[in-house]
Every structure is written in structure tokens, then in C-alpha cells.
Amino acid sequence: MINVADYLEEKHNIKLNEQQLQGVLSVEENTLLLSVPGSGKTTVLVSRIAYLMLECGVSPGSILTLTYNRETKTDIEKRYNQLFGEFKCVLR
């Protein structure tokens, strides 16, 4: 098991701020991410998916992520693989 926040900082030099970290670690309820373009929403979403699978043991098939279009879906998959691809989790 890994600590997703530490992993991001050590391996990719990505430091999540307090609000981003809260979005990643909030597992007791649904989370809505609203912010301006370029503020890290996709990074938080990808990190939350990784946190659920790698730290909480949630099956990838049990995670629902909704996007507006296929381009966004492709971007999320690409970013997940760039950041966490070494853990070989299958996203559908």
C-alpha cells in the first residue's frame, strides 16, 4: 500500500494543497469538485481514484466517475497512467 499524497510529491513533485487533499481523502460521502480551469481538478480526481484503489482497497469496478465527454475520459485515463501506471490498475 502507498500513501498517494506522499507518492505524488516524491515521484512527480506534485504537492496537493489542503483543499485538494481534502477532496482526495474524502471517502465517506460523494464529492463535488468545483474550481477554475487549471486549478488541479483532474489531478485531484485521478489522485482520489488512486487513493480509493491503492489505500482503501476499493475495486476499480466499484468506482463511478462521470465526465462531460470522451475527450475528458481519455485525459483522465492518460493522467492516471502517467501518475500511477506502475500500479497496473485497470480503468474502464
PDB file of N, CA and C in Angstrom:
ATOM      1  N   MET A   1       0.825  -1.181   0.000  1.00  0.00           N
ATOM      2  CA  MET A   1       0.000   0.000   0.000  1.00  0.00           C
ATOM      3  C   MET A   1       0.877   1.255   0.000  1.00  0.00           C
ATOM      4  N   ILE A   2       0.403   2.293  -0.685  1.00  0.00           N
ATOM      5  CA  ILE A   2       1.174   3.530  -0.743  1.00  0.00           C
ATOM      6  C   ILE A   2       0.364   4.679  -0.162  1.00  0.00           C
ATOM      7  N   ASN A   3       1.050   5.728   0.208  1.00  0.00           N
ATOM      8  CA  ASN A   3       0.390   6.974   0.586  1.00  0.00           C
ATOM      9  C   ASN A   3       0.380   7.826  -0.678  1.00  0.00           C
ATOM     10  N   VAL A   4      -0.809   8.060  -1.233  1.00  0.00           N
ATOM     11  CA  VAL A   4      -0.938   8.728  -2.521  1.00  0.00           C
ATOM     12  C   VAL A   4      -0.342  10.129  -2.495  1.00  0.00           C
ATOM     13  N   ALA A   5      -0.606  10.909  -1.453  1.00  0.00           N
ATOM     14  CA  ALA A   5      -0.083  12.278  -1.380  1.00  0.00           C
ATOM     15  C   ALA A   5       1.445  12.280  -1.338  1.00  0.00           C
ATOM     16  N   ASP A   6       2.025  11.410  -0.526  1.00  0.00           N
ATOM     17  CA  ASP A   6       3.486  11.320  -0.458  1.00  0.00           C
ATOM     18  C   ASP A   6       4.065  10.845  -1.784  1.00  0.00           C
ATOM     19  N   TYR A   7       3.421   9.870  -2.391  1.00  0.00           N
ATOM     20  CA  TYR A   7       3.875   9.346  -3.673  1.00  0.00           C
ATOM     21  C   TYR A   7       3.899  10.450  -4.728  1.00  0.00           C
ATOM     22  N   LEU A   8       2.829  11.235  -4.812  1.00  0.00           N
ATOM     23  CA  LEU A   8       2.767  12.322  -5.794  1.00  0.00           C
ATOM     24  C   LEU A   8       3.893  13.323  -5.591  1.00  0.00           C
ATOM     25  N   GLU A   9       4.149  13.656  -4.339  1.00  0.00           N
ATOM     26  CA  GLU A   9       5.191  14.638  -4.053  1.00  0.00           C
ATOM     27  C   GLU A   9       6.588  14.078  -4.343  1.00  0.00           C
ATOM     28  N   GLU A  10       6.838  12.850  -3.921  1.00  0.00           N
ATOM     29  CA  GLU A  10       8.166  12.258  -4.089  1.00  0.00           C
ATOM     30  C   GLU A  10       8.472  11.884  -5.541  1.00  0.00           C
ATOM     31  N   LYS A  11       7.507  11.273  -6.224  1.00  0.00           N
ATOM     32  CA  LYS A  11       7.754  10.757  -7.575  1.00  0.00           C
ATOM     33  C   LYS A  11       7.501  11.781  -8.672  1.00  0.00           C
ATOM     34  N   HIS A  12       6.546  12.701  -8.446  1.00  0.00           N
ATOM     35  CA  HIS A  12       6.138  13.603  -9.525  1.00  0.00           C
ATOM     36  C   HIS A  12       6.216  15.079  -9.148  1.00  0.00           C
ATOM     37  N   ASN A  13       6.737  15.372  -7.965  1.00  0.00           N
ATOM     38  CA  ASN A  13       6.876  16.745  -7.487  1.00  0.00           C
ATOM     39  C   ASN A  13       5.539  17.497  -7.504  1.00  0.00           C
ATOM     40  N   ILE A  14       4.455  16.794  -7.169  1.00  0.00           N
ATOM     41  CA  ILE A  14       3.123  17.382  -7.097  1.00  0.00           C
ATOM     42  C   ILE A  14       2.730  17.466  -5.626  1.00  0.00           C
ATOM     43  N   LYS A  15       2.572  18.670  -5.128  1.00  0.00           N
ATOM     44  CA  LYS A  15       2.173  18.896  -3.734  1.00  0.00           C
ATOM     45  C   LYS A  15       0.730  19.367  -3.727  1.00  0.00           C
ATOM     46  N   LEU A  16      -0.142  18.557  -3.148  1.00  0.00           N
ATOM     47  CA  LEU A  16      -1.552  18.920  -3.044  1.00  0.00           C
ATOM     48  C   LEU A  16      -1.742  19.918  -1.910  1.00  0.00           C
ATOM     49  N   ASN A  17      -2.552  20.971  -2.174  1.00  0.00           N
ATOM     50  CA  ASN A  17      -2.846  21.902  -1.088  1.00  0.00           C
ATOM     51  C   ASN A  17      -3.921  21.291  -0.186  1.00  0.00           C
ATOM     52  N   GLU A  18      -4.277  21.982   0.871  1.00  0.00           N
ATOM     53  CA  GLU A  18      -5.204  21.433   1.866  1.00  0.00           C
ATOM     54  C   GLU A  18      -6.567  21.098   1.264  1.00  0.00           C
ATOM     55  N   GLN A  19      -7.103  21.967   0.414  1.00  0.00           N
ATOM     56  CA  GLN A  19      -8.405  21.712  -0.197  1.00  0.00           C
ATOM     57  C   GLN A  19      -8.336  20.533  -1.167  1.00  0.00           C
ATOM     58  N   GLN A  20      -7.257  20.443  -1.934  1.00  0.00           N
ATOM     59  CA  GLN A  20      -7.094  19.318  -2.845  1.00  0.00           C
ATOM     60  C   GLN A  20      -6.981  18.015  -2.071  1.00  0.00           C
ATOM     61  N   LEU A  21      -6.189  18.020  -1.021  1.00  0.00           N
ATOM     62  CA  LEU A  21      -6.020  16.823  -0.201  1.00  0.00           C
ATOM     63  C   LEU A  21      -7.349  16.396   0.428  1.00  0.00           C
ATOM     64  N   GLN A  22      -8.140  17.359   0.848  1.00  0.00           N
ATOM     65  CA  GLN A  22      -9.459  17.063   1.412  1.00  0.00           C
ATOM     66  C   GLN A  22     -10.334  16.363   0.360  1.00  0.00           C
ATOM     67  N   GLY A  23     -10.271  16.815  -0.896  1.00  0.00           N
ATOM     68  CA  GLY A  23     -11.025  16.173  -1.969  1.00  0.00           C
ATOM     69  C   GLY A  23     -10.562  14.753  -2.238  1.00  0.00           C
ATOM     70  N   VAL A  24      -9.274  14.517  -2.138  1.00  0.00           N
ATOM     71  CA  VAL A  24      -8.721  13.177  -2.363  1.00  0.00           C
ATOM     72  C   VAL A  24      -9.125  12.224  -1.241  1.00  0.00           C
ATOM     73  N   LEU A  25      -9.045  12.683  -0.015  1.00  0.00           N
ATOM     74  CA  LEU A  25      -9.233  11.804   1.138  1.00  0.00           C
ATOM     75  C   LEU A  25     -10.681  11.660   1.607  1.00  0.00           C
ATOM     76  N   SER A  26     -11.593  12.416   1.038  1.00  0.00           N
ATOM     77  CA  SER A  26     -12.995  12.364   1.455  1.00  0.00           C
ATOM     78  C   SER A  26     -13.670  11.135   0.859  1.00  0.00           C
ATOM     79  N   VAL A  27     -13.815  10.087   1.671  1.00  0.00           N
ATOM     80  CA  VAL A  27     -14.394   8.842   1.168  1.00  0.00           C
ATOM     81  C   VAL A  27     -15.722   8.488   1.810  1.00  0.00           C
ATOM     82  N   GLU A  28     -16.135   9.217   2.805  1.00  0.00           N
ATOM     83  CA  GLU A  28     -17.378   8.909   3.498  1.00  0.00           C
ATOM     84  C   GLU A  28     -18.604   9.463   2.777  1.00  0.00           C
ATOM     85  N   GLU A  29     -18.389  10.282   1.762  1.00  0.00           N
ATOM     86  CA  GLU A  29     -19.503  10.916   1.076  1.00  0.00           C
ATOM     87  C   GLU A  29     -19.106  11.209  -0.368  1.00  0.00           C
ATOM     88  N   ASN A  30     -20.089  11.537  -1.176  1.00  0.00           N
ATOM     89  CA  ASN A  30     -19.798  11.961  -2.535  1.00  0.00           C
ATOM     90  C   ASN A  30     -19.080  13.301  -2.480  1.00  0.00           C
ATOM     91  N   THR A  31     -18.266  13.563  -3.482  1.00  0.00           N
ATOM     92  CA  THR A  31     -17.510  14.803  -3.508  1.00  0.00           C
ATOM     93  C   THR A  31     -17.735  15.501  -4.832  1.00  0.00           C
ATOM     94  N   LEU A  32     -18.018  16.787  -4.783  1.00  0.00           N
ATOM     95  CA  LEU A  32     -18.182  17.611  -5.965  1.00  0.00           C
ATOM     96  C   LEU A  32     -17.002  18.567  -6.022  1.00  0.00           C
ATOM     97  N   LEU A  33     -16.260  18.537  -7.130  1.00  0.00           N
ATOM     98  CA  LEU A  33     -15.108  19.419  -7.303  1.00  0.00           C
ATOM     99  C   LEU A  33     -15.496  20.570  -8.221  1.00  0.00           C
ATOM    100  N   LEU A  34     -15.466  21.768  -7.697  1.00  0.00           N
ATOM    101  CA  LEU A  34     -15.754  22.966  -8.476  1.00  0.00           C
ATOM    102  C   LEU A  34     -14.602  23.940  -8.311  1.00  0.00           C
ATOM    103  N   SER A  35     -14.028  24.369  -9.419  1.00  0.00           N
ATOM    104  CA  SER A  35     -12.967  25.369  -9.350  1.00  0.00           C
ATOM    105  C   SER A  35     -12.658  25.865 -10.754  1.00  0.00           C
ATOM    106  N   VAL A  36     -11.801  26.843 -10.828  1.00  0.00           N
ATOM    107  CA  VAL A  36     -11.453  27.468 -12.103  1.00  0.00           C
ATOM    108  C   VAL A  36     -10.544  26.551 -12.925  1.00  0.00           C
ATOM    109  N   PRO A  37     -10.490  26.770 -14.236  1.00  0.00           N
ATOM    110  CA  PRO A  37      -9.601  25.963 -15.085  1.00  0.00           C
ATOM    111  C   PRO A  37      -8.144  26.068 -14.625  1.00  0.00           C
ATOM    112  N   GLY A  38      -7.461  24.935 -14.666  1.00  0.00           N
ATOM    113  CA  GLY A  38      -6.047  24.901 -14.324  1.00  0.00           C
ATOM    114  C   GLY A  38      -5.742  24.854 -12.844  1.00  0.00           C
ATOM    115  N   SER A  39      -6.763  24.622 -12.016  1.00  0.00           N
ATOM    116  CA  SER A  39      -6.558  24.648 -10.567  1.00  0.00           C
ATOM    117  C   SER A  39      -6.263  23.274  -9.969  1.00  0.00           C
ATOM    118  N   GLY A  40      -6.301  22.218 -10.790  1.00  0.00           N
ATOM    119  CA  GLY A  40      -5.937  20.893 -10.297  1.00  0.00           C
ATOM    120  C   GLY A  40      -7.091  19.926 -10.104  1.00  0.00           C
ATOM    121  N   LYS A  41      -8.244  20.197 -10.694  1.00  0.00           N
ATOM    122  CA  LYS A  41      -9.396  19.293 -10.529  1.00  0.00           C
ATOM    123  C   LYS A  41      -9.094  17.890 -11.037  1.00  0.00           C
ATOM    124  N   THR A  42      -8.500  17.786 -12.214  1.00  0.00           N
ATOM    125  CA  THR A  42      -8.217  16.465 -12.773  1.00  0.00           C
ATOM    126  C   THR A  42      -7.180  15.743 -11.930  1.00  0.00           C
ATOM    127  N   THR A  43      -6.179  16.452 -11.443  1.00  0.00           N
ATOM    128  CA  THR A  43      -5.179  15.841 -10.570  1.00  0.00           C
ATOM    129  C   THR A  43      -5.836  15.315  -9.301  1.00  0.00           C
ATOM    130  N   VAL A  44      -6.761  16.082  -8.742  1.00  0.00           N
ATOM    131  CA  VAL A  44      -7.473  15.635  -7.535  1.00  0.00           C
ATOM    132  C   VAL A  44      -8.320  14.413  -7.859  1.00  0.00           C
ATOM    133  N   LEU A  45      -9.027  14.437  -8.973  1.00  0.00           N
ATOM    134  CA  LEU A  45      -9.883  13.313  -9.347  1.00  0.00           C
ATOM    135  C   LEU A  45      -9.059  12.048  -9.556  1.00  0.00           C
ATOM    136  N   VAL A  46      -7.974  12.153 -10.290  1.00  0.00           N
ATOM    137  CA  VAL A  46      -7.104  10.999 -10.542  1.00  0.00           C
ATOM    138  C   VAL A  46      -6.489  10.509  -9.236  1.00  0.00           C
ATOM    139  N   SER A  47      -6.083  11.427  -8.380  1.00  0.00           N
ATOM    140  CA  SER A  47      -5.491  11.052  -7.091  1.00  0.00           C
ATOM    141  C   SER A  47      -6.526  10.394  -6.190  1.00  0.00           C
ATOM    142  N   ARG A  48      -7.758  10.863  -6.252  1.00  0.00           N
ATOM    143  CA  ARG A  48      -8.834  10.256  -5.455  1.00  0.00           C
ATOM    144  C   ARG A  48      -9.089   8.824  -5.914  1.00  0.00           C
ATOM    145  N   ILE A  49      -9.111   8.600  -7.220  1.00  0.00           N
ATOM    146  CA  ILE A  49      -9.286   7.250  -7.755  1.00  0.00           C
ATOM    147  C   ILE A  49      -8.151   6.352  -7.255  1.00  0.00           C
ATOM    148  N   ALA A  50      -6.922   6.848  -7.354  1.00  0.00           N
ATOM    149  CA  ALA A  50      -5.772   6.073  -6.885  1.00  0.00           C
ATOM    150  C   ALA A  50      -5.869   5.815  -5.386  1.00  0.00           C
ATOM    151  N   TYR A  51      -6.270   6.819  -4.622  1.00  0.00           N
ATOM    152  CA  TYR A  51      -6.407   6.662  -3.164  1.00  0.00           C
ATOM    153  C   TYR A  51      -7.427   5.574  -2.843  1.00  0.00           C
ATOM    154  N   LEU A  52      -8.577   5.621  -3.510  1.00  0.00           N
ATOM    155  CA  LEU A  52      -9.610   4.619  -3.247  1.00  0.00           C
ATOM    156  C   LEU A  52      -9.111   3.208  -3.541  1.00  0.00           C
ATOM    157  N   MET A  53      -8.386   3.042  -4.654  1.00  0.00           N
ATOM    158  CA  MET A  53      -7.912   1.708  -5.031  1.00  0.00           C
ATOM    159  C   MET A  53      -6.691   1.273  -4.232  1.00  0.00           C
ATOM    160  N   LEU A  54      -5.699   2.156  -4.139  1.00  0.00           N
ATOM    161  CA  LEU A  54      -4.411   1.757  -3.581  1.00  0.00           C
ATOM    162  C   LEU A  54      -4.341   1.828  -2.061  1.00  0.00           C
ATOM    163  N   GLU A  55      -5.076   2.751  -1.453  1.00  0.00           N
ATOM    164  CA  GLU A  55      -5.029   2.871   0.006  1.00  0.00           C
ATOM    165  C   GLU A  55      -6.255   2.275   0.683  1.00  0.00           C
ATOM    166  N   CYS A  56      -7.402   2.348   0.029  1.00  0.00           N
ATOM    167  CA  CYS A  56      -8.642   1.876   0.654  1.00  0.00           C
ATOM    168  C   CYS A  56      -9.051   0.487   0.172  1.00  0.00           C
ATOM    169  N   GLY A  57      -8.394  -0.024  -0.872  1.00  0.00           N
ATOM    170  CA  GLY A  57      -8.693  -1.359  -1.365  1.00  0.00           C
ATOM    171  C   GLY A  57      -9.997  -1.482  -2.138  1.00  0.00           C
ATOM    172  N   VAL A  58     -10.502  -0.374  -2.664  1.00  0.00           N
ATOM    173  CA  VAL A  58     -11.739  -0.399  -3.437  1.00  0.00           C
ATOM    174  C   VAL A  58     -11.449  -0.959  -4.828  1.00  0.00           C
ATOM    175  N   SER A  59     -12.291  -1.846  -5.300  1.00  0.00           N
ATOM    176  CA  SER A  59     -12.153  -2.412  -6.635  1.00  0.00           C
ATOM    177  C   SER A  59     -12.405  -1.330  -7.681  1.00  0.00           C
ATOM    178  N   PRO A  60     -11.572  -1.262  -8.736  1.00  0.00           N
ATOM    179  CA  PRO A  60     -11.789  -0.256  -9.791  1.00  0.00           C
ATOM    180  C   PRO A  60     -13.203  -0.317 -10.372  1.00  0.00           C
ATOM    181  N   GLY A  61     -13.796  -1.491 -10.433  1.00  0.00           N
ATOM    182  CA  GLY A  61     -15.137  -1.640 -10.973  1.00  0.00           C
ATOM    183  C   GLY A  61     -16.222  -1.054 -10.082  1.00  0.00           C
ATOM    184  N   SER A  62     -15.865  -0.692  -8.868  1.00  0.00           N
ATOM    185  CA  SER A  62     -16.824  -0.112  -7.921  1.00  0.00           C
ATOM    186  C   SER A  62     -16.774   1.409  -7.886  1.00  0.00           C
ATOM    187  N   ILE A  63     -15.915   2.007  -8.696  1.00  0.00           N
ATOM    188  CA  ILE A  63     -15.740   3.457  -8.690  1.00  0.00           C
ATOM    189  C   ILE A  63     -16.415   4.041  -9.925  1.00  0.00           C
ATOM    190  N   LEU A  64     -17.316   4.978  -9.715  1.00  0.00           N
ATOM    191  CA  LEU A  64     -18.006   5.653 -10.813  1.00  0.00           C
ATOM    192  C   LEU A  64     -17.487   7.078 -10.914  1.00  0.00           C
ATOM    193  N   THR A  65     -16.974   7.423 -12.074  1.00  0.00           N
ATOM    194  CA  THR A  65     -16.514   8.775 -12.344  1.00  0.00           C
ATOM    195  C   THR A  65     -17.241   9.257 -13.586  1.00  0.00           C
ATOM    196  N   LEU A  66     -17.922  10.376 -13.478  1.00  0.00           N
ATOM    197  CA  LEU A  66     -18.676  10.920 -14.603  1.00  0.00           C
ATOM    198  C   LEU A  66     -17.921  12.095 -15.210  1.00  0.00           C
ATOM    199  N   THR A  67     -17.883  12.131 -16.530  1.00  0.00           N
ATOM    200  CA  THR A  67     -17.257  13.234 -17.241  1.00  0.00           C
ATOM    201  C   THR A  67     -18.238  13.769 -18.275  1.00  0.00           C
ATOM    202  N   TYR A  68     -17.909  14.915 -18.835  1.00  0.00           N
ATOM    203  CA  TYR A  68     -18.778  15.541 -19.826  1.00  0.00           C
ATOM    204  C   TYR A  68     -18.647  14.931 -21.216  1.00  0.00           C
ATOM    205  N   ASN A  69     -17.494  14.387 -21.521  1.00  0.00           N
ATOM    206  CA  ASN A  69     -17.291  13.879 -22.880  1.00  0.00           C
ATOM    207  C   ASN A  69     -16.172  12.841 -22.920  1.00  0.00           C
ATOM    208  N   ARG A  70     -16.012  12.222 -24.069  1.00  0.00           N
ATOM    209  CA  ARG A  70     -14.984  11.177 -24.230  1.00  0.00           C
ATOM    210  C   ARG A  70     -13.577  11.741 -24.126  1.00  0.00           C
ATOM    211  N   GLU A  71     -13.393  12.977 -24.563  1.00  0.00           N
ATOM    212  CA  GLU A  71     -12.072  13.595 -24.503  1.00  0.00           C
ATOM    213  C   GLU A  71     -11.599  13.710 -23.048  1.00  0.00           C
ATOM    214  N   THR A  72     -12.514  14.087 -22.173  1.00  0.00           N
ATOM    215  CA  THR A  72     -12.179  14.182 -20.754  1.00  0.00           C
ATOM    216  C   THR A  72     -11.871  12.805 -20.181  1.00  0.00           C
ATOM    217  N   LYS A  73     -12.645  11.803 -20.556  1.00  0.00           N
ATOM    218  CA  LYS A  73     -12.398  10.430 -20.113  1.00  0.00           C
ATOM    219  C   LYS A  73     -10.990   9.994 -20.518  1.00  0.00           C
ATOM    220  N   THR A  74     -10.634  10.275 -21.762  1.00  0.00           N
ATOM    221  CA  THR A  74      -9.314   9.915 -22.266  1.00  0.00           C
ATOM    222  C   THR A  74      -8.223  10.651 -21.493  1.00  0.00           C
ATOM    223  N   ASP A  75      -8.465  11.935 -21.186  1.00  0.00           N
ATOM    224  CA  ASP A  75      -7.491  12.722 -20.431  1.00  0.00           C
ATOM    225  C   ASP A  75      -7.301  12.146 -19.030  1.00  0.00           C
ATOM    226  N   ILE A  76      -8.390  11.757 -18.378  1.00  0.00           N
ATOM    227  CA  ILE A  76      -8.304  11.183 -17.032  1.00  0.00           C
ATOM    228  C   ILE A  76      -7.516   9.867 -17.066  1.00  0.00           C
ATOM    229  N   GLU A  77      -7.810   9.012 -18.035  1.00  0.00           N
ATOM    230  CA  GLU A  77      -7.069   7.745 -18.162  1.00  0.00           C
ATOM    231  C   GLU A  77      -5.591   7.996 -18.409  1.00  0.00           C
ATOM    232  N   LYS A  78      -5.293   8.957 -19.295  1.00  0.00           N
ATOM    233  CA  LYS A  78      -3.902   9.275 -19.621  1.00  0.00           C
ATOM    234  C   LYS A  78      -3.160   9.781 -18.383  1.00  0.00           C
ATOM    235  N   ARG A  79      -3.792  10.687 -17.666  1.00  0.00           N
ATOM    236  CA  ARG A  79      -3.143  11.237 -16.471  1.00  0.00           C
ATOM    237  C   ARG A  79      -2.981  10.180 -15.385  1.00  0.00           C
ATOM    238  N   TYR A  80      -3.978   9.316 -15.220  1.00  0.00           N
ATOM    239  CA  TYR A  80      -3.842   8.241 -14.235  1.00  0.00           C
ATOM    240  C   TYR A  80      -2.631   7.383 -14.586  1.00  0.00           C
ATOM    241  N   ASN A  81      -2.530   6.996 -15.840  1.00  0.00           N
ATOM    242  CA  ASN A  81      -1.418   6.138 -16.259  1.00  0.00           C
ATOM    243  C   ASN A  81      -0.075   6.841 -16.115  1.00  0.00           C
ATOM    244  N   GLN A  82      -0.034   8.160 -16.352  1.00  0.00           N
ATOM    245  CA  GLN A  82       1.216   8.899 -16.174  1.00  0.00           C
ATOM    246  C   GLN A  82       1.635   8.936 -14.712  1.00  0.00           C
ATOM    247  N   LEU A  83       0.671   9.112 -13.816  1.00  0.00           N
ATOM    248  CA  LEU A  83       0.993   9.260 -12.394  1.00  0.00           C
ATOM    249  C   LEU A  83       1.063   7.936 -11.645  1.00  0.00           C
ATOM    250  N   PHE A  84       0.152   7.012 -11.965  1.00  0.00           N
ATOM    251  CA  PHE A  84       0.028   5.792 -11.172  1.00  0.00           C
ATOM    252  C   PHE A  84       0.100   4.516 -12.008  1.00  0.00           C
ATOM    253  N   GLY A  85       0.527   4.608 -13.249  1.00  0.00           N
ATOM    254  CA  GLY A  85       0.545   3.471 -14.157  1.00  0.00           C
ATOM    255  C   GLY A  85       1.357   2.291 -13.681  1.00  0.00           C
ATOM    256  N   GLU A  86       2.327   2.531 -12.853  1.00  0.00           N
ATOM    257  CA  GLU A  86       3.169   1.429 -12.362  1.00  0.00           C
ATOM    258  C   GLU A  86       2.397   0.469 -11.463  1.00  0.00           C
ATOM    259  N   PHE A  87       1.209   0.870 -11.015  1.00  0.00           N
ATOM    260  CA  PHE A  87       0.425   0.012 -10.133  1.00  0.00           C
ATOM    261  C   PHE A  87      -0.559  -0.869 -10.896  1.00  0.00           C
ATOM    262  N   LYS A  88      -0.635  -0.712 -12.200  1.00  0.00           N
ATOM    263  CA  LYS A  88      -1.373  -1.607 -13.095  1.00  0.00           C
ATOM    264  C   LYS A  88      -2.836  -1.841 -12.712  1.00  0.00           C
ATOM    265  N   CYS A  89      -3.542  -0.799 -12.356  1.00  0.00           N
ATOM    266  CA  CYS A  89      -4.981  -0.902 -12.099  1.00  0.00           C
ATOM    267  C   CYS A  89      -5.730  -0.659 -13.405  1.00  0.00           C
ATOM    268  N   VAL A  90      -6.747  -1.436 -13.658  1.00  0.00           N
ATOM    269  CA  VAL A  90      -7.497  -1.326 -14.913  1.00  0.00           C
ATOM    270  C   VAL A  90      -8.668  -0.369 -14.718  1.00  0.00           C
ATOM    271  N   LEU A  91      -8.703   0.701 -15.537  1.00  0.00           N
ATOM    272  CA  LEU A  91      -9.821   1.640 -15.523  1.00  0.00           C
ATOM    273  C   LEU A  91     -10.717   1.329 -16.702  1.00  0.00           C
ATOM    274  N   ARG A  92     -12.025   1.385 -16.496  1.00  0.00           N
ATOM    275  CA  ARG A  92     -12.987   1.131 -17.579  1.00  0.00           C
ATOM    276  C   ARG A  92     -13.884   2.306 -17.756  1.00  0.00           C
TER     277      ARG A  92
END
